[in-house]
Amino acid sequence: MDEYKSKRLVFHIWIVCALGLFIDGYDLYISSVTEPFINALYHPNPFLIGLTQAAAPIGACLGAILIGRLADMIGRKSLLIFNLVFFVVIALLSAFAWNSTSLCVFRFLIGFGVGADYPICAAYLAEMIPENKSNKLIAGAMFINCAASPIGVLVALGIYNIYPHLEVWRILLATGALPAIVALLLRAIGTCTAMRLFR
C-alpha cells in the first residue's frame, strides 16, 4: 500500500512539473507566432521588434540564475507554486498590453518565470522521484517541453481560424495561462491526496 501511495504522489509531482516545462516551451514558441500580428497593429521600429523578441530569453537567463539559487535556500515546492501563479498573472497581463513597450516588459517578466521554472522543476523532480525512475521521468518531462512547439502550432491555427483578426495575438498569449491553471489545480489535488493517503 505504501508503494501505491508513493506512486500516486510521484505521478502528481511529475505531471505538475511536466506542465510547468510545457508552459515554458509553449510560451517561448507562441511569442514568435504573435509577432506578425503585433507588428501589423503597432508598427514598432526595428529595434523595438528585436527587443520584444529578445525580452523573454533575457528574462529567462536572469530567472535561471537568480531563482535557481533562491530555490536552494527557501524550498522548491513553494517557488514552484508561486511561479505557476506568476505565469497566470503575467500571461493575462500580456494579453492586455497597450503598446509595444508594455508588451516588451511583460515578455521580460514571463521570460523570467520561464528561466526560473527550468531549475526548479528539474531539481524538484530529481529530489522527489525514486532514483531508479528519475532518468525516464525527467526525460519524459523534457519531451513534453519539446512537444509544446507543435501543440502551439495547432492551437494558434485553430484560434486564428475561429478569430482571423489582428487582435488574435492577445488570445494566443492568454492561452499560456491555461496549463498553469491546470497545474495549480493538480497541485492542489495532489496536496489533498497526500493528506488523505498519509493521515
N, C-alpha and C. Protein backbone atom coordinates (compact mmCIF):
# COMPACT_ATOMS: atom_id res chain seq x y z
N MET A 1 0.83 -1.20 0.00
CA MET A 1 0.00 0.00 0.00
C MET A 1 0.87 1.26 0.00
N ASP A 2 1.97 1.22 0.76
CA ASP A 2 2.85 2.37 0.79
C ASP A 2 3.44 2.65 -0.58
N GLU A 3 3.76 1.57 -1.32
CA GLU A 3 4.30 1.75 -2.67
C GLU A 3 3.26 2.38 -3.58
N TYR A 4 1.99 1.95 -3.42
CA TYR A 4 0.91 2.53 -4.22
C TYR A 4 0.74 4.01 -3.92
N LYS A 5 0.79 4.36 -2.64
CA LYS A 5 0.67 5.76 -2.25
C LYS A 5 1.81 6.58 -2.84
N SER A 6 3.02 6.04 -2.76
CA SER A 6 4.17 6.76 -3.27
C SER A 6 4.06 6.98 -4.78
N LYS A 7 3.56 5.97 -5.50
CA LYS A 7 3.42 6.11 -6.95
C LYS A 7 2.43 7.21 -7.31
N ARG A 8 1.34 7.31 -6.54
CA ARG A 8 0.36 8.36 -6.80
C ARG A 8 0.95 9.75 -6.58
N LEU A 9 1.72 9.88 -5.52
CA LEU A 9 2.34 11.18 -5.25
C LEU A 9 3.40 11.52 -6.29
N VAL A 10 4.18 10.53 -6.69
CA VAL A 10 5.19 10.75 -7.73
C VAL A 10 4.51 11.20 -9.03
N PHE A 11 3.38 10.57 -9.35
CA PHE A 11 2.65 10.94 -10.56
C PHE A 11 2.20 12.40 -10.50
N HIS A 12 1.65 12.82 -9.37
CA HIS A 12 1.20 14.21 -9.23
C HIS A 12 2.36 15.17 -9.34
N ILE A 13 3.47 14.85 -8.70
CA ILE A 13 4.65 15.72 -8.78
C ILE A 13 5.13 15.81 -10.22
N TRP A 14 5.19 14.66 -10.89
CA TRP A 14 5.69 14.64 -12.27
C TRP A 14 4.79 15.45 -13.20
N ILE A 15 3.49 15.27 -13.11
CA ILE A 15 2.59 15.95 -14.03
C ILE A 15 2.61 17.46 -13.82
N VAL A 16 2.73 17.90 -12.57
CA VAL A 16 2.80 19.34 -12.29
C VAL A 16 4.09 19.93 -12.87
N CYS A 17 5.21 19.25 -12.65
CA CYS A 17 6.49 19.74 -13.18
C CYS A 17 6.50 19.68 -14.71
N ALA A 18 5.93 18.62 -15.27
CA ALA A 18 5.88 18.49 -16.73
C ALA A 18 5.03 19.60 -17.33
N LEU A 19 3.94 19.94 -16.69
CA LEU A 19 3.11 21.04 -17.17
C LEU A 19 3.87 22.37 -17.08
N GLY A 20 4.65 22.53 -16.02
CA GLY A 20 5.47 23.73 -15.89
C GLY A 20 6.45 23.85 -17.05
N LEU A 21 7.09 22.74 -17.40
CA LEU A 21 8.03 22.76 -18.52
C LEU A 21 7.30 22.93 -19.85
N PHE A 22 6.09 22.39 -19.94
CA PHE A 22 5.28 22.60 -21.15
C PHE A 22 4.99 24.09 -21.35
N ILE A 23 4.63 24.76 -20.27
CA ILE A 23 4.36 26.20 -20.33
C ILE A 23 5.56 26.95 -20.87
N ASP A 24 6.76 26.56 -20.41
CA ASP A 24 7.98 27.23 -20.85
C ASP A 24 8.14 27.15 -22.37
N GLY A 25 8.04 25.94 -22.89
CA GLY A 25 8.20 25.76 -24.32
C GLY A 25 7.08 26.42 -25.11
N TYR A 26 5.87 26.29 -24.61
CA TYR A 26 4.70 26.85 -25.31
C TYR A 26 4.80 28.37 -25.39
N ASP A 27 5.13 28.99 -24.30
CA ASP A 27 5.15 30.45 -24.28
C ASP A 27 6.25 31.02 -25.17
N LEU A 28 7.44 30.42 -25.10
CA LEU A 28 8.54 30.91 -25.93
C LEU A 28 8.24 30.73 -27.41
N TYR A 29 7.49 29.67 -27.75
CA TYR A 29 7.13 29.48 -29.16
C TYR A 29 6.02 30.43 -29.59
N ILE A 30 4.99 30.53 -28.77
CA ILE A 30 3.81 31.28 -29.19
C ILE A 30 4.13 32.75 -29.42
N SER A 31 5.17 33.26 -28.77
CA SER A 31 5.54 34.67 -28.98
C SER A 31 5.97 34.94 -30.41
N SER A 32 6.62 33.96 -31.05
CA SER A 32 7.03 34.15 -32.44
C SER A 32 5.83 34.12 -33.38
N VAL A 33 4.79 33.39 -33.00
CA VAL A 33 3.57 33.36 -33.81
C VAL A 33 2.83 34.69 -33.73
N THR A 34 2.89 35.32 -32.58
CA THR A 34 2.15 36.58 -32.40
C THR A 34 2.86 37.78 -33.02
N GLU A 35 4.15 37.66 -33.30
CA GLU A 35 4.92 38.81 -33.77
C GLU A 35 4.33 39.50 -35.00
N PRO A 36 3.95 38.77 -36.07
CA PRO A 36 3.40 39.46 -37.25
C PRO A 36 2.15 40.27 -36.95
N PHE A 37 1.30 39.75 -36.07
CA PHE A 37 0.07 40.47 -35.72
C PHE A 37 0.39 41.74 -34.93
N ILE A 38 1.32 41.62 -33.99
CA ILE A 38 1.70 42.78 -33.17
C ILE A 38 2.35 43.86 -34.03
N ASN A 39 3.24 43.44 -34.93
CA ASN A 39 3.92 44.40 -35.80
C ASN A 39 2.92 45.12 -36.72
N ALA A 40 1.94 44.38 -37.22
CA ALA A 40 0.94 44.99 -38.11
C ALA A 40 0.03 45.96 -37.35
N LEU A 41 -0.14 45.70 -36.06
CA LEU A 41 -1.05 46.54 -35.27
C LEU A 41 -0.35 47.78 -34.74
N TYR A 42 0.87 47.64 -34.24
CA TYR A 42 1.56 48.75 -33.56
C TYR A 42 2.67 49.40 -34.39
N HIS A 43 3.12 48.74 -35.44
CA HIS A 43 4.19 49.26 -36.30
C HIS A 43 5.42 49.71 -35.50
N PRO A 44 5.98 48.82 -34.69
CA PRO A 44 7.16 49.21 -33.91
C PRO A 44 8.39 49.36 -34.82
N ASN A 45 9.38 50.14 -34.36
CA ASN A 45 10.61 50.27 -35.13
C ASN A 45 11.43 48.98 -35.00
N PRO A 46 12.40 48.78 -35.89
CA PRO A 46 13.18 47.52 -35.87
C PRO A 46 13.82 47.21 -34.53
N PHE A 47 14.32 48.24 -33.84
CA PHE A 47 14.94 47.99 -32.54
C PHE A 47 13.93 47.41 -31.55
N LEU A 48 12.72 47.97 -31.52
CA LEU A 48 11.71 47.50 -30.58
C LEU A 48 11.21 46.11 -30.95
N ILE A 49 11.17 45.81 -32.24
CA ILE A 49 10.80 44.46 -32.66
C ILE A 49 11.80 43.45 -32.10
N GLY A 50 13.08 43.76 -32.28
CA GLY A 50 14.11 42.86 -31.78
C GLY A 50 14.10 42.76 -30.27
N LEU A 51 13.88 43.89 -29.60
CA LEU A 51 13.88 43.90 -28.14
C LEU A 51 12.71 43.10 -27.58
N THR A 52 11.55 43.19 -28.22
CA THR A 52 10.38 42.44 -27.76
C THR A 52 10.63 40.94 -27.84
N GLN A 53 11.26 40.51 -28.95
CA GLN A 53 11.55 39.08 -29.10
C GLN A 53 12.69 38.63 -28.18
N ALA A 54 13.62 39.54 -27.89
CA ALA A 54 14.76 39.18 -27.03
C ALA A 54 14.42 39.28 -25.56
N ALA A 55 13.32 39.97 -25.21
CA ALA A 55 13.00 40.22 -23.80
C ALA A 55 12.81 38.93 -23.02
N ALA A 56 12.08 37.98 -23.59
CA ALA A 56 11.83 36.72 -22.87
C ALA A 56 13.12 35.91 -22.65
N PRO A 57 13.96 35.71 -23.68
CA PRO A 57 15.22 34.99 -23.43
C PRO A 57 16.13 35.70 -22.42
N ILE A 58 16.17 37.04 -22.47
CA ILE A 58 16.98 37.77 -21.48
C ILE A 58 16.42 37.55 -20.08
N GLY A 59 15.10 37.65 -19.95
CA GLY A 59 14.47 37.38 -18.66
C GLY A 59 14.72 35.96 -18.19
N ALA A 60 14.73 35.00 -19.13
CA ALA A 60 14.95 33.60 -18.77
C ALA A 60 16.34 33.39 -18.20
N CYS A 61 17.33 34.06 -18.78
CA CYS A 61 18.70 33.95 -18.26
C CYS A 61 18.78 34.45 -16.82
N LEU A 62 18.17 35.60 -16.57
CA LEU A 62 18.20 36.15 -15.22
C LEU A 62 17.41 35.30 -14.25
N GLY A 63 16.24 34.80 -14.70
CA GLY A 63 15.41 33.96 -13.84
C GLY A 63 16.12 32.69 -13.42
N ALA A 64 16.81 32.05 -14.37
CA ALA A 64 17.52 30.81 -14.05
C ALA A 64 18.64 31.05 -13.04
N ILE A 65 19.34 32.17 -13.21
CA ILE A 65 20.46 32.47 -12.30
C ILE A 65 19.96 32.83 -10.90
N LEU A 66 18.99 33.72 -10.83
CA LEU A 66 18.56 34.24 -9.53
C LEU A 66 17.65 33.28 -8.78
N ILE A 67 16.65 32.73 -9.47
CA ILE A 67 15.66 31.90 -8.78
C ILE A 67 16.21 30.51 -8.48
N GLY A 68 17.09 30.02 -9.33
CA GLY A 68 17.69 28.72 -9.04
C GLY A 68 18.40 28.72 -7.70
N ARG A 69 19.14 29.77 -7.44
CA ARG A 69 19.84 29.89 -6.16
C ARG A 69 18.86 30.11 -5.01
N LEU A 70 17.83 30.93 -5.25
CA LEU A 70 16.84 31.19 -4.21
C LEU A 70 16.08 29.93 -3.84
N ALA A 71 15.81 29.07 -4.83
CA ALA A 71 15.09 27.81 -4.57
C ALA A 71 15.88 26.91 -3.63
N ASP A 72 17.20 26.95 -3.73
CA ASP A 72 18.04 26.15 -2.83
C ASP A 72 17.89 26.61 -1.39
N MET A 73 17.60 27.88 -1.21
CA MET A 73 17.55 28.44 0.15
C MET A 73 16.18 28.33 0.79
N ILE A 74 15.09 28.59 0.02
CA ILE A 74 13.76 28.64 0.66
C ILE A 74 12.85 27.49 0.28
N GLY A 75 13.28 26.64 -0.64
CA GLY A 75 12.48 25.47 -0.98
C GLY A 75 11.87 25.56 -2.36
N ARG A 76 11.93 24.44 -3.09
CA ARG A 76 11.46 24.42 -4.48
C ARG A 76 9.95 24.33 -4.60
N LYS A 77 9.32 23.64 -3.66
CA LYS A 77 7.88 23.46 -3.76
C LYS A 77 7.15 24.79 -3.69
N SER A 78 7.54 25.64 -2.76
CA SER A 78 6.89 26.95 -2.62
C SER A 78 7.11 27.81 -3.86
N LEU A 79 8.34 27.80 -4.38
CA LEU A 79 8.63 28.60 -5.56
C LEU A 79 7.95 28.04 -6.80
N LEU A 80 7.76 26.73 -6.86
CA LEU A 80 7.05 26.13 -7.98
C LEU A 80 5.62 26.64 -8.04
N ILE A 81 4.96 26.66 -6.91
CA ILE A 81 3.58 27.15 -6.86
C ILE A 81 3.54 28.65 -7.17
N PHE A 82 4.45 29.40 -6.58
CA PHE A 82 4.49 30.84 -6.84
C PHE A 82 4.71 31.11 -8.32
N ASN A 83 5.60 30.33 -8.94
CA ASN A 83 5.91 30.55 -10.34
C ASN A 83 4.71 30.25 -11.24
N LEU A 84 3.92 29.25 -10.88
CA LEU A 84 2.72 28.95 -11.66
C LEU A 84 1.71 30.10 -11.56
N VAL A 85 1.54 30.63 -10.36
CA VAL A 85 0.65 31.78 -10.18
C VAL A 85 1.18 32.97 -10.98
N PHE A 86 2.49 33.16 -10.93
CA PHE A 86 3.14 34.24 -11.67
C PHE A 86 2.86 34.11 -13.17
N PHE A 87 2.94 32.90 -13.69
CA PHE A 87 2.65 32.66 -15.10
C PHE A 87 1.23 33.08 -15.47
N VAL A 88 0.28 32.70 -14.63
CA VAL A 88 -1.12 33.03 -14.90
C VAL A 88 -1.29 34.54 -14.98
N VAL A 89 -0.77 35.24 -13.99
CA VAL A 89 -0.94 36.69 -13.92
C VAL A 89 -0.27 37.39 -15.11
N ILE A 90 0.99 37.05 -15.38
CA ILE A 90 1.73 37.75 -16.43
C ILE A 90 1.21 37.39 -17.82
N ALA A 91 0.79 36.15 -18.03
CA ALA A 91 0.23 35.76 -19.32
C ALA A 91 -1.03 36.56 -19.61
N LEU A 92 -1.86 36.75 -18.60
CA LEU A 92 -3.09 37.53 -18.79
C LEU A 92 -2.77 39.01 -18.98
N LEU A 93 -1.80 39.52 -18.24
CA LEU A 93 -1.40 40.92 -18.43
C LEU A 93 -0.82 41.14 -19.83
N SER A 94 -0.08 40.16 -20.33
CA SER A 94 0.47 40.27 -21.68
C SER A 94 -0.63 40.43 -22.72
N ALA A 95 -1.73 39.75 -22.49
CA ALA A 95 -2.85 39.83 -23.43
C ALA A 95 -3.49 41.22 -23.45
N PHE A 96 -3.26 41.98 -22.39
CA PHE A 96 -3.84 43.33 -22.30
C PHE A 96 -2.79 44.43 -22.52
N ALA A 97 -1.63 44.06 -23.06
CA ALA A 97 -0.58 45.06 -23.33
C ALA A 97 -1.14 46.14 -24.25
N TRP A 98 -0.84 47.41 -23.95
CA TRP A 98 -1.43 48.53 -24.68
C TRP A 98 -0.50 49.11 -25.74
N ASN A 99 0.78 48.71 -25.74
CA ASN A 99 1.70 49.12 -26.80
C ASN A 99 2.90 48.17 -26.79
N SER A 100 3.82 48.40 -27.71
CA SER A 100 4.98 47.51 -27.83
C SER A 100 5.87 47.56 -26.59
N THR A 101 5.97 48.73 -25.98
CA THR A 101 6.83 48.86 -24.79
C THR A 101 6.29 48.05 -23.61
N SER A 102 4.99 48.16 -23.36
CA SER A 102 4.39 47.39 -22.27
C SER A 102 4.48 45.90 -22.54
N LEU A 103 4.30 45.51 -23.80
CA LEU A 103 4.43 44.10 -24.15
C LEU A 103 5.85 43.61 -23.92
N CYS A 104 6.83 44.45 -24.22
CA CYS A 104 8.23 44.10 -24.00
C CYS A 104 8.49 43.84 -22.52
N VAL A 105 7.93 44.67 -21.67
CA VAL A 105 8.09 44.48 -20.22
C VAL A 105 7.47 43.17 -19.76
N PHE A 106 6.26 42.90 -20.23
CA PHE A 106 5.57 41.66 -19.85
C PHE A 106 6.31 40.43 -20.38
N ARG A 107 6.86 40.55 -21.60
CA ARG A 107 7.61 39.43 -22.16
C ARG A 107 8.88 39.17 -21.35
N PHE A 108 9.50 40.22 -20.86
CA PHE A 108 10.67 40.04 -19.99
C PHE A 108 10.27 39.31 -18.71
N LEU A 109 9.15 39.70 -18.13
CA LEU A 109 8.69 39.07 -16.89
C LEU A 109 8.32 37.61 -17.10
N ILE A 110 7.64 37.32 -18.22
CA ILE A 110 7.27 35.93 -18.48
C ILE A 110 8.53 35.10 -18.74
N GLY A 111 9.52 35.71 -19.39
CA GLY A 111 10.80 35.03 -19.59
C GLY A 111 11.49 34.75 -18.27
N PHE A 112 11.40 35.69 -17.35
CA PHE A 112 11.98 35.50 -16.01
C PHE A 112 11.36 34.25 -15.36
N GLY A 113 10.04 34.11 -15.49
CA GLY A 113 9.37 32.94 -14.94
C GLY A 113 9.78 31.66 -15.64
N VAL A 114 9.95 31.73 -16.96
CA VAL A 114 10.41 30.56 -17.72
C VAL A 114 11.79 30.12 -17.25
N GLY A 115 12.69 31.08 -17.11
CA GLY A 115 14.04 30.75 -16.66
C GLY A 115 14.06 30.17 -15.27
N ALA A 116 13.18 30.65 -14.41
CA ALA A 116 13.10 30.13 -13.05
C ALA A 116 12.55 28.71 -13.03
N ASP A 117 11.66 28.40 -13.97
CA ASP A 117 10.97 27.12 -13.98
C ASP A 117 11.90 25.95 -14.28
N TYR A 118 12.84 26.14 -15.17
CA TYR A 118 13.71 25.03 -15.55
C TYR A 118 14.50 24.46 -14.37
N PRO A 119 15.25 25.26 -13.63
CA PRO A 119 15.99 24.67 -12.49
C PRO A 119 15.07 24.19 -11.38
N ILE A 120 13.95 24.89 -11.16
CA ILE A 120 13.04 24.47 -10.10
C ILE A 120 12.45 23.10 -10.41
N CYS A 121 11.89 22.94 -11.61
CA CYS A 121 11.23 21.68 -11.97
C CYS A 121 12.22 20.53 -12.07
N ALA A 122 13.35 20.76 -12.72
CA ALA A 122 14.33 19.69 -12.88
C ALA A 122 14.85 19.21 -11.53
N ALA A 123 15.20 20.15 -10.65
CA ALA A 123 15.74 19.78 -9.34
C ALA A 123 14.66 19.14 -8.46
N TYR A 124 13.44 19.67 -8.54
CA TYR A 124 12.35 19.12 -7.73
C TYR A 124 12.04 17.69 -8.14
N LEU A 125 12.03 17.43 -9.44
CA LEU A 125 11.81 16.06 -9.93
C LEU A 125 12.92 15.14 -9.45
N ALA A 126 14.15 15.59 -9.59
CA ALA A 126 15.29 14.76 -9.19
C ALA A 126 15.25 14.43 -7.70
N GLU A 127 14.75 15.35 -6.89
CA GLU A 127 14.70 15.13 -5.44
C GLU A 127 13.54 14.24 -5.01
N MET A 128 12.39 14.37 -5.68
CA MET A 128 11.16 13.77 -5.18
C MET A 128 10.83 12.41 -5.78
N ILE A 129 11.39 12.06 -6.93
CA ILE A 129 11.05 10.79 -7.55
C ILE A 129 12.13 9.76 -7.25
N PRO A 130 11.77 8.47 -7.26
CA PRO A 130 12.76 7.42 -6.95
C PRO A 130 13.94 7.47 -7.92
N GLU A 131 15.11 7.16 -7.39
CA GLU A 131 16.33 7.26 -8.19
C GLU A 131 16.30 6.34 -9.41
N ASN A 132 15.69 5.15 -9.25
CA ASN A 132 15.68 4.20 -10.36
C ASN A 132 14.75 4.62 -11.49
N LYS A 133 13.90 5.63 -11.25
CA LYS A 133 12.98 6.10 -12.28
C LYS A 133 13.27 7.54 -12.71
N SER A 134 14.25 8.16 -12.09
CA SER A 134 14.45 9.59 -12.31
C SER A 134 14.82 9.90 -13.76
N ASN A 135 15.69 9.09 -14.37
CA ASN A 135 16.11 9.40 -15.74
C ASN A 135 14.94 9.39 -16.71
N LYS A 136 14.10 8.35 -16.61
CA LYS A 136 12.97 8.23 -17.52
C LYS A 136 11.96 9.35 -17.31
N LEU A 137 11.67 9.66 -16.06
CA LEU A 137 10.65 10.67 -15.78
C LEU A 137 11.14 12.07 -16.15
N ILE A 138 12.39 12.37 -15.89
CA ILE A 138 12.94 13.68 -16.27
C ILE A 138 12.98 13.80 -17.79
N ALA A 139 13.37 12.71 -18.47
CA ALA A 139 13.38 12.72 -19.94
C ALA A 139 11.96 12.90 -20.48
N GLY A 140 10.99 12.26 -19.83
CA GLY A 140 9.60 12.42 -20.25
C GLY A 140 9.11 13.85 -20.08
N ALA A 141 9.49 14.48 -18.98
CA ALA A 141 9.10 15.88 -18.76
C ALA A 141 9.72 16.80 -19.80
N MET A 142 10.98 16.54 -20.16
CA MET A 142 11.63 17.36 -21.18
C MET A 142 11.03 17.13 -22.56
N PHE A 143 10.56 15.89 -22.80
CA PHE A 143 9.86 15.63 -24.07
C PHE A 143 8.59 16.46 -24.17
N ILE A 144 7.87 16.58 -23.06
CA ILE A 144 6.66 17.40 -23.04
C ILE A 144 7.01 18.86 -23.30
N ASN A 145 8.15 19.30 -22.77
CA ASN A 145 8.62 20.65 -23.06
C ASN A 145 8.82 20.86 -24.56
N CYS A 146 9.41 19.88 -25.23
CA CYS A 146 9.63 19.98 -26.68
C CYS A 146 8.32 19.86 -27.45
N ALA A 147 7.38 19.06 -26.94
CA ALA A 147 6.11 18.87 -27.63
C ALA A 147 5.26 20.13 -27.62
N ALA A 148 5.64 21.10 -26.80
CA ALA A 148 4.86 22.34 -26.72
C ALA A 148 4.86 23.10 -28.04
N SER A 149 5.93 22.97 -28.83
CA SER A 149 6.01 23.70 -30.10
C SER A 149 4.94 23.25 -31.10
N PRO A 150 4.86 21.95 -31.45
CA PRO A 150 3.80 21.55 -32.38
C PRO A 150 2.40 21.76 -31.83
N ILE A 151 2.25 21.60 -30.52
CA ILE A 151 0.93 21.86 -29.92
C ILE A 151 0.59 23.34 -30.07
N GLY A 152 1.59 24.20 -29.87
CA GLY A 152 1.38 25.63 -30.05
C GLY A 152 0.95 25.97 -31.47
N VAL A 153 1.54 25.28 -32.46
CA VAL A 153 1.15 25.50 -33.85
C VAL A 153 -0.33 25.18 -34.05
N LEU A 154 -0.75 24.04 -33.54
CA LEU A 154 -2.15 23.63 -33.70
C LEU A 154 -3.10 24.56 -32.97
N VAL A 155 -2.71 24.99 -31.77
CA VAL A 155 -3.56 25.92 -31.01
C VAL A 155 -3.69 27.24 -31.75
N ALA A 156 -2.56 27.78 -32.21
CA ALA A 156 -2.57 29.06 -32.93
C ALA A 156 -3.40 28.96 -34.20
N LEU A 157 -3.25 27.87 -34.94
CA LEU A 157 -4.00 27.68 -36.18
C LEU A 157 -5.50 27.59 -35.90
N GLY A 158 -5.85 26.83 -34.87
CA GLY A 158 -7.26 26.67 -34.52
C GLY A 158 -7.89 27.99 -34.09
N ILE A 159 -7.18 28.75 -33.25
CA ILE A 159 -7.73 30.02 -32.77
C ILE A 159 -7.84 31.03 -33.90
N TYR A 160 -6.82 31.06 -34.78
CA TYR A 160 -6.88 32.01 -35.90
C TYR A 160 -8.02 31.68 -36.87
N ASN A 161 -8.29 30.40 -37.07
CA ASN A 161 -9.40 30.01 -37.94
C ASN A 161 -10.74 30.45 -37.36
N ILE A 162 -10.81 30.47 -36.04
CA ILE A 162 -12.05 30.90 -35.38
C ILE A 162 -12.14 32.42 -35.32
N TYR A 163 -11.00 33.07 -35.10
CA TYR A 163 -10.97 34.53 -34.92
C TYR A 163 -9.85 35.12 -35.78
N PRO A 164 -10.04 35.26 -37.09
CA PRO A 164 -8.99 35.73 -38.00
C PRO A 164 -8.84 37.25 -38.02
N HIS A 165 -8.37 37.80 -36.90
CA HIS A 165 -8.20 39.25 -36.77
C HIS A 165 -6.82 39.55 -36.18
N LEU A 166 -6.36 40.80 -36.34
CA LEU A 166 -5.07 41.19 -35.80
C LEU A 166 -4.99 41.02 -34.29
N GLU A 167 -6.10 41.26 -33.62
CA GLU A 167 -6.11 41.18 -32.15
C GLU A 167 -6.03 39.74 -31.64
N VAL A 168 -5.93 38.76 -32.54
CA VAL A 168 -5.86 37.37 -32.11
C VAL A 168 -4.62 37.10 -31.26
N TRP A 169 -3.58 37.93 -31.40
CA TRP A 169 -2.37 37.73 -30.61
C TRP A 169 -2.63 37.79 -29.12
N ARG A 170 -3.62 38.59 -28.74
CA ARG A 170 -3.96 38.68 -27.31
C ARG A 170 -4.47 37.34 -26.78
N ILE A 171 -5.31 36.71 -27.55
CA ILE A 171 -5.86 35.41 -27.15
C ILE A 171 -4.74 34.37 -27.09
N LEU A 172 -3.85 34.41 -28.08
CA LEU A 172 -2.75 33.43 -28.12
C LEU A 172 -1.85 33.55 -26.89
N LEU A 173 -1.53 34.78 -26.50
CA LEU A 173 -0.69 34.96 -25.31
C LEU A 173 -1.44 34.55 -24.04
N ALA A 174 -2.73 34.82 -24.00
CA ALA A 174 -3.52 34.46 -22.81
C ALA A 174 -3.63 32.96 -22.64
N THR A 175 -3.56 32.19 -23.74
CA THR A 175 -3.68 30.73 -23.61
C THR A 175 -2.53 30.13 -22.80
N GLY A 176 -1.43 30.87 -22.67
CA GLY A 176 -0.33 30.39 -21.84
C GLY A 176 -0.70 30.24 -20.38
N ALA A 177 -1.77 30.93 -19.97
CA ALA A 177 -2.21 30.82 -18.57
C ALA A 177 -2.94 29.51 -18.30
N LEU A 178 -3.52 28.89 -19.33
CA LEU A 178 -4.36 27.70 -19.12
C LEU A 178 -3.59 26.52 -18.53
N PRO A 179 -2.45 26.11 -19.12
CA PRO A 179 -1.74 24.99 -18.49
C PRO A 179 -1.24 25.30 -17.09
N ALA A 180 -0.95 26.57 -16.80
CA ALA A 180 -0.54 26.94 -15.44
C ALA A 180 -1.69 26.77 -14.47
N ILE A 181 -2.90 27.13 -14.91
CA ILE A 181 -4.09 26.94 -14.05
C ILE A 181 -4.33 25.46 -13.80
N VAL A 182 -4.19 24.64 -14.86
CA VAL A 182 -4.35 23.19 -14.71
C VAL A 182 -3.32 22.64 -13.73
N ALA A 183 -2.07 23.09 -13.86
CA ALA A 183 -1.01 22.62 -12.95
C ALA A 183 -1.30 23.01 -11.51
N LEU A 184 -1.82 24.21 -11.30
CA LEU A 184 -2.17 24.64 -9.94
C LEU A 184 -3.29 23.78 -9.36
N LEU A 185 -4.29 23.46 -10.19
CA LEU A 185 -5.38 22.61 -9.72
C LEU A 185 -4.86 21.21 -9.38
N LEU A 186 -4.00 20.67 -10.24
CA LEU A 186 -3.44 19.35 -9.98
C LEU A 186 -2.56 19.36 -8.74
N ARG A 187 -1.85 20.46 -8.53
CA ARG A 187 -1.03 20.56 -7.33
C ARG A 187 -1.90 20.56 -6.08
N ALA A 188 -3.04 21.26 -6.16
CA ALA A 188 -3.97 21.28 -5.03
C ALA A 188 -4.55 19.89 -4.79
N ILE A 189 -4.88 19.19 -5.88
CA ILE A 189 -5.41 17.83 -5.76
C ILE A 189 -4.35 16.91 -5.17
N GLY A 190 -3.10 17.07 -5.64
CA GLY A 190 -2.01 16.26 -5.12
C GLY A 190 -1.79 16.47 -3.63
N THR A 191 -1.90 17.72 -3.19
CA THR A 191 -1.75 18.02 -1.76
C THR A 191 -2.86 17.36 -0.95
N CYS A 192 -4.08 17.46 -1.44
CA CYS A 192 -5.22 16.82 -0.76
C CYS A 192 -5.06 15.31 -0.73
N THR A 193 -4.58 14.75 -1.85
CA THR A 193 -4.37 13.31 -1.92
C THR A 193 -3.34 12.86 -0.90
N ALA A 194 -2.24 13.63 -0.81
CA ALA A 194 -1.18 13.28 0.15
C ALA A 194 -1.71 13.32 1.58
N MET A 195 -2.51 14.32 1.89
CA MET A 195 -3.07 14.42 3.24
C MET A 195 -4.00 13.25 3.53
N ARG A 196 -4.76 12.84 2.50
CA ARG A 196 -5.72 11.74 2.71
C ARG A 196 -5.01 10.40 2.81
N LEU A 197 -3.98 10.19 1.98
CA LEU A 197 -3.29 8.91 1.96
C LEU A 197 -2.43 8.68 3.19
N PHE A 198 -1.82 9.75 3.70
CA PHE A 198 -0.84 9.60 4.76
C PHE A 198 -1.31 10.14 6.12
N ARG A 199 -2.60 10.36 6.25
CA ARG A 199 -3.08 10.87 7.54
C ARG A 199 -3.07 9.76 8.59
